[in-house]
Structure formats: structure tokens, C-alpha cells
Amino acid sequence: MYKREIEDLKSSIASARQAIKSTRENMARQRTNKAPKHYQESGKRNIENQKKIIEGYNKEIANYREKKKKMGKATDSFKREIGKNTGKWVSNKVFGDGHSTPHRVDVNRTEGQYKSENKESLLSKGKDFFSDVYEEDLEEKEQIKKFNSKKEDVIATYIPNNADEIMNFVNLMLSTIKSNGWKAGNNEEHINLLSDACLTKLEQCVIKLKSMNEIHQAEYVDTEIIKLKKKKKFQKYALWVGIVLFFLVGFILYKLEILK
């Protein structure tokens, strides 16, 4: 449980760290070329932004691990309660009142009381279990809201007028896409929308770089866009292609009488 989410966040952290490394390399190149001071300031802001992103990802990982721990305890407790009460019921049925748990003095009264206590205990455990599920659903909705907010921020971001600042922004967009990618499930459409928004911004960066006659950098970004579009098709449709291939291979084997 939450294993995939934690792995995705770890991958996002690795991408953010790579973006920091790329930004520092750009800053070093700018210093060598004696570029204006504001280029360094832009790079520093980008690095600080990436550090905040990493900090946020680490907090999300910690939250997932805590939820996983709590969920496991609630589930184990629920299972133990069911197992314990089922064992008592079997014992009472097999050995009778003399060996029952609890020991029965007034059969009708004690059995009714025991059933009532048993029911209340199961209800309590059930409430704890479903309370955790409800909290998980709320956190999922909060996650969707966060992704939608990020998407709107990306859409509203203005492309800089300086080539180095554009490349810093390109690194941020590439990092965001590589961190999240595209998903096949309908429940993860918010992730796809964020990645699509970043991809659109990259295309706008290419247009801006070409207008500034920064052909080499424009070609680099264009190449990355082509790779990302291939990745998008693979990640969104790989599952369905796999299913189709599975049935196709099964059909061919059947026709060849291998599966008969």
C-alpha cells in the first residue's frame, strides 16, 4: 500500500536534484561568460524553488509512511478481533458451557450479553478501519487539488525574455514532467493535465528561443519534447496495448492448437 506513490515521489526528488545540478552548471557557464548579475539571481531562485519542492516531496513520503503504518495497525486489529471472536464461538459450540469463554452461569443472559459486547467490539474496530479509509479519500482529494493548483500556476507563468532564464524554466518543466509523467487510469487525470500543461510551455519556449535566434537551445528543447511525446503515448496506452497483445498471442496459440 502506497508503495507506488512513494516510489514516484522518490523519482520526483531525483529529478528535482538533477534540475538543481543543471541550474548550477548554467550559472557557472554564465559566470565564465561574465553574464549580468540578474542571471545568477534567477538561478538562485530556481534552486531555492527546487529545494522547496524536494522538502514538500519528503513530507509527502513521511505522510504516506505514517498512513501505511496506521492502516496496517487498524487492519491487523480488525482481523485479530474477528479471529478471536470466531475462535470463542467455535470453542463454545464444541465444548459447551463448561468450557465457554466467558464461563456461562446463566446461559440465556450471558450469551446475549456476550453477543452484544462482541457486536459492539466489531463495530468499534470497523469504525476505526473505515475512518482511516475516509481520511485516505480526503487526502486523495487534497492531492488532486494540489495538482490542479500547480497546473494553473504553470499555465499562468510568463516565458522569460532571456535565453538563460528560459533554459532555467525549461529545466523546471522537464523536472516536473519527469517526476509525474502520464498515467493510464482515469483517477489520475489530474497528473496528466499537469504534465500536458508543462509540455505546452516547453513548446512555447521553443518558439521564444527561435525568435531570439537561439537555435541550438531551441533544437535541444525540441528534441526533449519529441522524447516526452513518445513517453506520453507509451505511458498512457501501454496497459491497453499489453492487454490486446496478451489476447492476440492467446488467440494465435489457440489457433495453432497449443492451448487446446
C-alpha atoms as a PDB file:
ATOM      1  CA  MET A   1       0.000   0.000   0.000  1.00  0.00           C
ATOM      2  CA  TYR A   2       1.338   3.426  -1.062  1.00  0.00           C
ATOM      3  CA  LYS A   3       4.465   1.752  -2.446  1.00  0.00           C
ATOM      4  CA  ARG A   4       3.946   3.169  -5.946  1.00  0.00           C
ATOM      5  CA  GLU A   5       3.195   6.667  -4.609  1.00  0.00           C
ATOM      6  CA  ILE A   6       6.379   6.655  -2.501  1.00  0.00           C
ATOM      7  CA  GLU A   7       8.475   5.410  -5.446  1.00  0.00           C
ATOM      8  CA  ASP A   8       7.016   8.158  -7.671  1.00  0.00           C
ATOM      9  CA  LEU A   9       7.899  10.792  -5.085  1.00  0.00           C
ATOM     10  CA  LYS A  10      11.445   9.450  -4.778  1.00  0.00           C
ATOM     11  CA  SER A  11      11.754   9.682  -8.551  1.00  0.00           C
ATOM     12  CA  SER A  12      10.465  13.270  -8.361  1.00  0.00           C
ATOM     13  CA  ILE A  13      13.114  14.114  -5.771  1.00  0.00           C
ATOM     14  CA  ALA A  14      15.832  12.677  -8.039  1.00  0.00           C
ATOM     15  CA  SER A  15      14.549  14.784 -10.961  1.00  0.00           C
ATOM     16  CA  ALA A  16      14.462  17.939  -8.806  1.00  0.00           C
ATOM     17  CA  ARG A  17      18.043  17.315  -7.694  1.00  0.00           C
ATOM     18  CA  GLN A  18      19.045  16.892 -11.330  1.00  0.00           C
ATOM     19  CA  ALA A  19      17.357  20.214 -12.125  1.00  0.00           C
ATOM     20  CA  ILE A  20      19.401  21.874  -9.345  1.00  0.00           C
ATOM     21  CA  LYS A  21      22.582  20.386 -10.818  1.00  0.00           C
ATOM     22  CA  SER A  22      21.693  21.636 -14.320  1.00  0.00           C
ATOM     23  CA  THR A  23      20.903  25.116 -12.975  1.00  0.00           C
ATOM     24  CA  ARG A  24      24.243  25.292 -11.155  1.00  0.00           C
ATOM     25  CA  GLU A  25      26.035  24.289 -14.360  1.00  0.00           C
ATOM     26  CA  ASN A  26      24.190  27.070 -16.227  1.00  0.00           C
ATOM     27  CA  MET A  27      25.158  29.566 -13.516  1.00  0.00           C
ATOM     28  CA  ALA A  28      28.809  28.530 -13.736  1.00  0.00           C
ATOM     29  CA  ARG A  29      28.736  28.981 -17.501  1.00  0.00           C
ATOM     30  CA  GLN A  30      27.141  32.409 -17.074  1.00  0.00           C
ATOM     31  CA  ARG A  31      29.868  33.469 -14.624  1.00  0.00           C
ATOM     32  CA  THR A  32      32.531  32.313 -17.065  1.00  0.00           C
ATOM     33  CA  ASN A  33      30.890  34.375 -19.827  1.00  0.00           C
ATOM     34  CA  LYS A  34      30.589  37.335 -17.412  1.00  0.00           C
ATOM     35  CA  ALA A  35      26.825  37.477 -17.859  1.00  0.00           C
ATOM     36  CA  PRO A  36      24.828  40.164 -15.989  1.00  0.00           C
ATOM     37  CA  LYS A  37      24.265  39.625 -12.263  1.00  0.00           C
ATOM     38  CA  HIS A  38      20.497  39.103 -12.550  1.00  0.00           C
ATOM     39  CA  TYR A  39      21.146  35.777 -14.335  1.00  0.00           C
ATOM     40  CA  GLN A  40      22.756  34.482 -11.145  1.00  0.00           C
ATOM     41  CA  GLU A  41      19.819  35.745  -9.101  1.00  0.00           C
ATOM     42  CA  SER A  42      17.409  33.903 -11.385  1.00  0.00           C
ATOM     43  CA  GLY A  43      19.419  30.700 -10.986  1.00  0.00           C
ATOM     44  CA  LYS A  44      19.429  31.054  -7.198  1.00  0.00           C
ATOM     45  CA  ARG A  45      15.639  31.488  -7.175  1.00  0.00           C
ATOM     46  CA  ASN A  46      15.242  28.394  -9.318  1.00  0.00           C
ATOM     47  CA  ILE A  47      17.459  26.368  -6.956  1.00  0.00           C
ATOM     48  CA  GLU A  48      15.539  27.577  -3.895  1.00  0.00           C
ATOM     49  CA  ASN A  49      12.273  26.652  -5.607  1.00  0.00           C
ATOM     50  CA  GLN A  50      13.564  23.141  -6.332  1.00  0.00           C
ATOM     51  CA  LYS A  51      14.715  22.750  -2.718  1.00  0.00           C
ATOM     52  CA  LYS A  52      11.220  23.664  -1.511  1.00  0.00           C
ATOM     53  CA  ILE A  53       9.762  21.123  -3.941  1.00  0.00           C
ATOM     54  CA  ILE A  54      12.101  18.434  -2.557  1.00  0.00           C
ATOM     55  CA  GLU A  55      11.131  19.362   1.001  1.00  0.00           C
ATOM     56  CA  GLY A  56       7.449  19.034   0.068  1.00  0.00           C
ATOM     57  CA  TYR A  57       8.042  15.635  -1.550  1.00  0.00           C
ATOM     58  CA  ASN A  58       9.859  14.393   1.577  1.00  0.00           C
ATOM     59  CA  LYS A  59       6.909  15.476   3.725  1.00  0.00           C
ATOM     60  CA  GLU A  60       4.511  13.610   1.423  1.00  0.00           C
ATOM     61  CA  ILE A  61       6.660  10.475   1.701  1.00  0.00           C
ATOM     62  CA  ALA A  62       6.610  10.753   5.506  1.00  0.00           C
ATOM     63  CA  ASN A  63       2.804  11.174   5.446  1.00  0.00           C
ATOM     64  CA  TYR A  64       2.359   8.116   3.222  1.00  0.00           C
ATOM     65  CA  ARG A  65       4.574   6.027   5.515  1.00  0.00           C
ATOM     66  CA  GLU A  66       2.627   7.164   8.583  1.00  0.00           C
ATOM     67  CA  LYS A  67      -0.698   6.388   6.876  1.00  0.00           C
ATOM     68  CA  LYS A  68       0.621   2.987   5.829  1.00  0.00           C
ATOM     69  CA  LYS A  69       1.657   2.271   9.415  1.00  0.00           C
ATOM     70  CA  LYS A  70      -1.717   3.368  10.853  1.00  0.00           C
ATOM     71  CA  MET A  71      -3.671   1.497   8.193  1.00  0.00           C
ATOM     72  CA  GLY A  72      -1.715  -1.673   8.875  1.00  0.00           C
ATOM     73  CA  LYS A  73      -2.380  -1.447  12.614  1.00  0.00           C
ATOM     74  CA  ALA A  74      -6.120  -0.851  12.112  1.00  0.00           C
ATOM     75  CA  THR A  75      -6.417  -3.741   9.658  1.00  0.00           C
ATOM     76  CA  ASP A  76      -4.420  -6.136  11.869  1.00  0.00           C
ATOM     77  CA  SER A  77      -6.508  -5.181  14.917  1.00  0.00           C
ATOM     78  CA  PHE A  78      -9.731  -5.718  12.965  1.00  0.00           C
ATOM     79  CA  LYS A  79      -8.548  -9.120  11.738  1.00  0.00           C
ATOM     80  CA  ARG A  80      -7.406 -10.175  15.233  1.00  0.00           C
ATOM     81  CA  GLU A  81     -10.760  -9.206  16.720  1.00  0.00           C
ATOM     82  CA  ILE A  82     -12.652 -11.243  14.124  1.00  0.00           C
ATOM     83  CA  GLY A  83     -10.305 -14.212  14.591  1.00  0.00           C
ATOM     84  CA  LYS A  84     -10.529 -14.066  18.390  1.00  0.00           C
ATOM     85  CA  ASN A  85     -14.314 -13.888  18.487  1.00  0.00           C
ATOM     86  CA  THR A  86     -14.703 -16.587  15.844  1.00  0.00           C
ATOM     87  CA  GLY A  87     -12.429 -18.868  17.905  1.00  0.00           C
ATOM     88  CA  LYS A  88     -14.501 -18.244  21.019  1.00  0.00           C
ATOM     89  CA  TRP A  89     -17.697 -19.049  19.153  1.00  0.00           C
ATOM     90  CA  VAL A  90     -16.252 -22.347  17.832  1.00  0.00           C
ATOM     91  CA  SER A  91     -14.939 -23.257  21.305  1.00  0.00           C
ATOM     92  CA  ASN A  92     -18.316 -22.621  22.902  1.00  0.00           C
ATOM     93  CA  LYS A  93     -20.110 -24.684  20.272  1.00  0.00           C
ATOM     94  CA  VAL A  94     -17.688 -27.637  20.561  1.00  0.00           C
ATOM     95  CA  PHE A  95     -17.050 -27.802  24.333  1.00  0.00           C
ATOM     96  CA  GLY A  96     -20.292 -26.343  25.678  1.00  0.00           C
ATOM     97  CA  ASP A  97     -20.961 -24.038  28.594  1.00  0.00           C
ATOM     98  CA  GLY A  98     -18.471 -25.675  30.991  1.00  0.00           C
ATOM     99  CA  HIS A  99     -15.518 -24.565  28.921  1.00  0.00           C
ATOM    100  CA  SER A 100     -17.006 -21.429  27.379  1.00  0.00           C
ATOM    101  CA  THR A 101     -15.270 -18.042  27.320  1.00  0.00           C
ATOM    102  CA  PRO A 102     -16.554 -16.270  29.306  1.00  0.00           C
ATOM    103  CA  HIS A 103     -17.792 -19.097  31.621  1.00  0.00           C
ATOM    104  CA  ARG A 104     -21.587 -19.288  31.409  1.00  0.00           C
ATOM    105  CA  VAL A 105     -23.705 -19.308  34.546  1.00  0.00           C
ATOM    106  CA  ASP A 106     -26.995 -18.008  33.177  1.00  0.00           C
ATOM    107  CA  VAL A 107     -26.834 -19.237  29.573  1.00  0.00           C
ATOM    108  CA  ASN A 108     -29.566 -17.054  28.087  1.00  0.00           C
ATOM    109  CA  ARG A 109     -28.470 -13.851  29.837  1.00  0.00           C
ATOM    110  CA  THR A 110     -24.687 -14.319  29.444  1.00  0.00           C
ATOM    111  CA  GLU A 111     -24.875 -15.414  25.803  1.00  0.00           C
ATOM    112  CA  GLY A 112     -26.986 -12.375  24.943  1.00  0.00           C
ATOM    113  CA  GLN A 113     -24.592 -10.103  26.822  1.00  0.00           C
ATOM    114  CA  TYR A 114     -21.587 -11.703  25.098  1.00  0.00           C
ATOM    115  CA  LYS A 115     -23.142 -11.263  21.649  1.00  0.00           C
ATOM    116  CA  SER A 116     -23.870  -7.622  22.449  1.00  0.00           C
ATOM    117  CA  GLU A 117     -20.289  -6.994  23.595  1.00  0.00           C
ATOM    118  CA  ASN A 118     -18.958  -8.856  20.580  1.00  0.00           C
ATOM    119  CA  LYS A 119     -21.082  -6.762  18.232  1.00  0.00           C
ATOM    120  CA  GLU A 120     -20.003  -3.510  19.883  1.00  0.00           C
ATOM    121  CA  SER A 121     -16.348  -4.517  19.659  1.00  0.00           C
ATOM    122  CA  LEU A 122     -16.611  -5.397  15.978  1.00  0.00           C
ATOM    123  CA  LEU A 123     -18.462  -2.148  15.260  1.00  0.00           C
ATOM    124  CA  SER A 124     -15.760  -0.175  17.037  1.00  0.00           C
ATOM    125  CA  LYS A 125     -12.987  -1.861  15.062  1.00  0.00           C
ATOM    126  CA  GLY A 126     -14.962  -1.425  11.859  1.00  0.00           C
ATOM    127  CA  LYS A 127     -15.417   2.289  12.533  1.00  0.00           C
ATOM    128  CA  ASP A 128     -11.664   2.704  13.079  1.00  0.00           C
ATOM    129  CA  PHE A 129     -10.936   0.860   9.833  1.00  0.00           C
ATOM    130  CA  PHE A 130     -13.384   2.855   7.710  1.00  0.00           C
ATOM    131  CA  SER A 131     -12.316   6.090   9.393  1.00  0.00           C
ATOM    132  CA  ASP A 132      -8.804   5.514   8.009  1.00  0.00           C
ATOM    133  CA  VAL A 133     -10.276   4.800   4.571  1.00  0.00           C
ATOM    134  CA  TYR A 134     -12.265   8.056   4.769  1.00  0.00           C
ATOM    135  CA  GLU A 135      -9.124  10.009   5.725  1.00  0.00           C
ATOM    136  CA  GLU A 136      -7.316   8.433   2.792  1.00  0.00           C
ATOM    137  CA  ASP A 137     -10.095   9.605   0.459  1.00  0.00           C
ATOM    138  CA  LEU A 138      -9.839  13.158   1.833  1.00  0.00           C
ATOM    139  CA  GLU A 139      -6.067  13.183   1.302  1.00  0.00           C
ATOM    140  CA  GLU A 140      -6.545  11.956  -2.253  1.00  0.00           C
ATOM    141  CA  LYS A 141      -8.919  14.856  -2.948  1.00  0.00           C
ATOM    142  CA  GLU A 142      -6.387  17.257  -1.422  1.00  0.00           C
ATOM    143  CA  GLN A 143      -3.698  15.784  -3.686  1.00  0.00           C
ATOM    144  CA  ILE A 144      -5.888  16.379  -6.759  1.00  0.00           C
ATOM    145  CA  LYS A 145      -6.493  19.970  -5.635  1.00  0.00           C
ATOM    146  CA  LYS A 146      -2.739  20.497  -5.259  1.00  0.00           C
ATOM    147  CA  PHE A 147      -2.011  19.174  -8.764  1.00  0.00           C
ATOM    148  CA  ASN A 148      -4.731  21.374 -10.250  1.00  0.00           C
ATOM    149  CA  SER A 149      -3.231  24.388  -8.483  1.00  0.00           C
ATOM    150  CA  LYS A 150       0.223  23.571  -9.891  1.00  0.00           C
ATOM    151  CA  LYS A 151      -1.274  23.236 -13.364  1.00  0.00           C
ATOM    152  CA  GLU A 152      -2.882  26.679 -13.120  1.00  0.00           C
ATOM    153  CA  ASP A 153       0.433  28.158 -11.922  1.00  0.00           C
ATOM    154  CA  VAL A 154       2.239  26.657 -14.924  1.00  0.00           C
ATOM    155  CA  ILE A 155      -0.373  27.971 -17.361  1.00  0.00           C
ATOM    156  CA  ALA A 156      -0.150  31.468 -15.852  1.00  0.00           C
ATOM    157  CA  THR A 157       3.672  31.588 -15.924  1.00  0.00           C
ATOM    158  CA  TYR A 158       5.127  34.087 -18.396  1.00  0.00           C
ATOM    159  CA  ILE A 159       8.019  32.896 -20.596  1.00  0.00           C
ATOM    160  CA  PRO A 160      11.160  34.952 -19.730  1.00  0.00           C
ATOM    161  CA  ASN A 161      12.856  37.221 -22.295  1.00  0.00           C
ATOM    162  CA  ASN A 162      16.366  35.977 -21.569  1.00  0.00           C
ATOM    163  CA  ALA A 163      17.745  32.734 -23.049  1.00  0.00           C
ATOM    164  CA  ASP A 164      19.410  31.544 -19.823  1.00  0.00           C
ATOM    165  CA  GLU A 165      16.291  32.251 -17.792  1.00  0.00           C
ATOM    166  CA  ILE A 166      14.234  30.385 -20.393  1.00  0.00           C
ATOM    167  CA  MET A 167      16.550  27.381 -20.041  1.00  0.00           C
ATOM    168  CA  ASN A 168      16.153  27.504 -16.248  1.00  0.00           C
ATOM    169  CA  PHE A 169      12.398  27.447 -16.779  1.00  0.00           C
ATOM    170  CA  VAL A 170      12.795  24.597 -19.298  1.00  0.00           C
ATOM    171  CA  ASN A 171      14.696  22.568 -16.667  1.00  0.00           C
ATOM    172  CA  LEU A 172      11.863  23.163 -14.189  1.00  0.00           C
ATOM    173  CA  MET A 173       9.238  21.991 -16.706  1.00  0.00           C
ATOM    174  CA  LEU A 174      11.301  18.924 -17.661  1.00  0.00           C
ATOM    175  CA  SER A 175      11.775  18.076 -13.987  1.00  0.00           C
ATOM    176  CA  THR A 176       8.029  18.354 -13.321  1.00  0.00           C
ATOM    177  CA  ILE A 177       7.118  16.127 -16.284  1.00  0.00           C
ATOM    178  CA  LYS A 178       9.751  13.507 -15.486  1.00  0.00           C
ATOM    179  CA  SER A 179       8.602  13.479 -11.866  1.00  0.00           C
ATOM    180  CA  ASN A 180       4.946  12.862 -12.679  1.00  0.00           C
ATOM    181  CA  GLY A 181       4.726  11.568 -16.255  1.00  0.00           C
ATOM    182  CA  TRP A 182       1.401  10.374 -17.641  1.00  0.00           C
ATOM    183  CA  LYS A 183      -0.882   7.731 -16.159  1.00  0.00           C
ATOM    184  CA  ALA A 184      -3.330   5.332 -17.801  1.00  0.00           C
ATOM    185  CA  GLY A 185      -6.056   5.458 -15.110  1.00  0.00           C
ATOM    186  CA  ASN A 186      -8.978   7.905 -15.211  1.00  0.00           C
ATOM    187  CA  ASN A 187      -8.482   8.580 -11.485  1.00  0.00           C
ATOM    188  CA  GLU A 188      -5.089  10.151 -12.237  1.00  0.00           C
ATOM    189  CA  GLU A 189      -6.192  12.574 -14.929  1.00  0.00           C
ATOM    190  CA  HIS A 190      -5.041  15.493 -12.740  1.00  0.00           C
ATOM    191  CA  ILE A 191      -1.456  14.248 -13.140  1.00  0.00           C
ATOM    192  CA  ASN A 192      -1.833  14.063 -16.921  1.00  0.00           C
ATOM    193  CA  LEU A 193      -3.227  17.609 -17.074  1.00  0.00           C
ATOM    194  CA  LEU A 194      -0.228  18.991 -15.172  1.00  0.00           C
ATOM    195  CA  SER A 195       2.240  17.201 -17.464  1.00  0.00           C
ATOM    196  CA  ASP A 196       0.305  18.392 -20.543  1.00  0.00           C
ATOM    197  CA  ALA A 197       0.484  21.997 -19.294  1.00  0.00           C
ATOM    198  CA  CYS A 198       4.259  21.700 -18.809  1.00  0.00           C
ATOM    199  CA  LEU A 199       4.643  20.198 -22.297  1.00  0.00           C
ATOM    200  CA  THR A 200       2.712  23.104 -23.818  1.00  0.00           C
ATOM    201  CA  LYS A 201       5.008  25.559 -22.004  1.00  0.00           C
ATOM    202  CA  LEU A 202       8.045  23.774 -23.434  1.00  0.00           C
ATOM    203  CA  GLU A 203       6.628  24.231 -26.936  1.00  0.00           C
ATOM    204  CA  GLN A 204       6.171  27.935 -26.196  1.00  0.00           C
ATOM    205  CA  CYS A 205       9.801  28.089 -25.035  1.00  0.00           C
ATOM    206  CA  VAL A 206      10.938  26.667 -28.388  1.00  0.00           C
ATOM    207  CA  ILE A 207       9.044  29.390 -30.246  1.00  0.00           C
ATOM    208  CA  LYS A 208      10.543  32.078 -27.996  1.00  0.00           C
ATOM    209  CA  LEU A 209      14.095  30.730 -28.360  1.00  0.00           C
ATOM    210  CA  LYS A 210      13.794  30.599 -32.149  1.00  0.00           C
ATOM    211  CA  SER A 211      12.523  34.180 -32.201  1.00  0.00           C
ATOM    212  CA  MET A 212      15.669  35.143 -30.260  1.00  0.00           C
ATOM    213  CA  ASN A 213      17.835  33.218 -32.749  1.00  0.00           C
ATOM    214  CA  GLU A 214      18.924  30.770 -30.029  1.00  0.00           C
ATOM    215  CA  ILE A 215      18.755  27.880 -32.489  1.00  0.00           C
ATOM    216  CA  HIS A 216      20.975  25.416 -30.602  1.00  0.00           C
ATOM    217  CA  GLN A 217      18.972  25.686 -27.387  1.00  0.00           C
ATOM    218  CA  ALA A 218      15.681  25.587 -29.304  1.00  0.00           C
ATOM    219  CA  GLU A 219      16.750  22.341 -31.010  1.00  0.00           C
ATOM    220  CA  TYR A 220      17.676  20.836 -27.635  1.00  0.00           C
ATOM    221  CA  VAL A 221      14.247  21.633 -26.169  1.00  0.00           C
ATOM    222  CA  ASP A 222      12.562  20.400 -29.368  1.00  0.00           C
ATOM    223  CA  THR A 223      14.382  17.069 -29.038  1.00  0.00           C
ATOM    224  CA  GLU A 224      13.249  16.735 -25.423  1.00  0.00           C
ATOM    225  CA  ILE A 225       9.649  17.454 -26.465  1.00  0.00           C
ATOM    226  CA  ILE A 226       9.756  14.665 -29.069  1.00  0.00           C
ATOM    227  CA  LYS A 227      11.038  12.228 -26.415  1.00  0.00           C
ATOM    228  CA  LEU A 228       8.338  13.303 -23.973  1.00  0.00           C
ATOM    229  CA  LYS A 229       5.554  12.883 -26.534  1.00  0.00           C
ATOM    230  CA  LYS A 230       6.720   9.320 -27.202  1.00  0.00           C
ATOM    231  CA  LYS A 231       6.828   8.730 -23.446  1.00  0.00           C
ATOM    232  CA  LYS A 232       3.296  10.132 -23.120  1.00  0.00           C
ATOM    233  CA  LYS A 233       1.900   7.692 -25.697  1.00  0.00           C
ATOM    234  CA  PHE A 234       3.690   4.757 -24.110  1.00  0.00           C
ATOM    235  CA  GLN A 235       2.673   5.534 -20.520  1.00  0.00           C
ATOM    236  CA  LYS A 236      -0.970   6.313 -21.334  1.00  0.00           C
ATOM    237  CA  TYR A 237      -1.624   3.383 -23.669  1.00  0.00           C
ATOM    238  CA  ALA A 238       0.959   0.726 -22.729  1.00  0.00           C
ATOM    239  CA  LEU A 239      -1.530  -1.077 -20.454  1.00  0.00           C
ATOM    240  CA  TRP A 240      -4.160  -1.395 -23.201  1.00  0.00           C
ATOM    241  CA  VAL A 241      -1.568  -2.420 -25.774  1.00  0.00           C
ATOM    242  CA  GLY A 242      -0.345  -5.095 -23.361  1.00  0.00           C
ATOM    243  CA  ILE A 243      -3.876  -6.447 -22.869  1.00  0.00           C
ATOM    244  CA  VAL A 244      -4.523  -6.546 -26.627  1.00  0.00           C
ATOM    245  CA  LEU A 245      -1.203  -8.317 -27.246  1.00  0.00           C
ATOM    246  CA  PHE A 246      -1.970 -10.821 -24.484  1.00  0.00           C
ATOM    247  CA  PHE A 247      -5.289 -11.828 -26.068  1.00  0.00           C
ATOM    248  CA  LEU A 248      -3.771 -11.760 -29.553  1.00  0.00           C
ATOM    249  CA  VAL A 249      -0.994 -14.148 -28.540  1.00  0.00           C
ATOM    250  CA  GLY A 250      -3.538 -16.364 -26.778  1.00  0.00           C
ATOM    251  CA  PHE A 251      -5.708 -16.418 -29.911  1.00  0.00           C
ATOM    252  CA  ILE A 252      -2.748 -17.337 -32.129  1.00  0.00           C
ATOM    253  CA  LEU A 253      -1.670 -20.115 -29.753  1.00  0.00           C
ATOM    254  CA  TYR A 254      -5.238 -21.405 -29.693  1.00  0.00           C
ATOM    255  CA  LYS A 255      -5.385 -21.481 -33.494  1.00  0.00           C
ATOM    256  CA  LEU A 256      -2.091 -23.337 -33.555  1.00  0.00           C
ATOM    257  CA  GLU A 257      -3.670 -25.830 -31.115  1.00  0.00           C
ATOM    258  CA  ILE A 258      -1.004 -25.222 -28.497  1.00  0.00           C
ATOM    259  CA  LEU A 259      -3.549 -24.260 -25.848  1.00  0.00           C
ATOM    260  CA  LYS A 260      -6.050 -26.990 -26.692  1.00  0.00           C
END
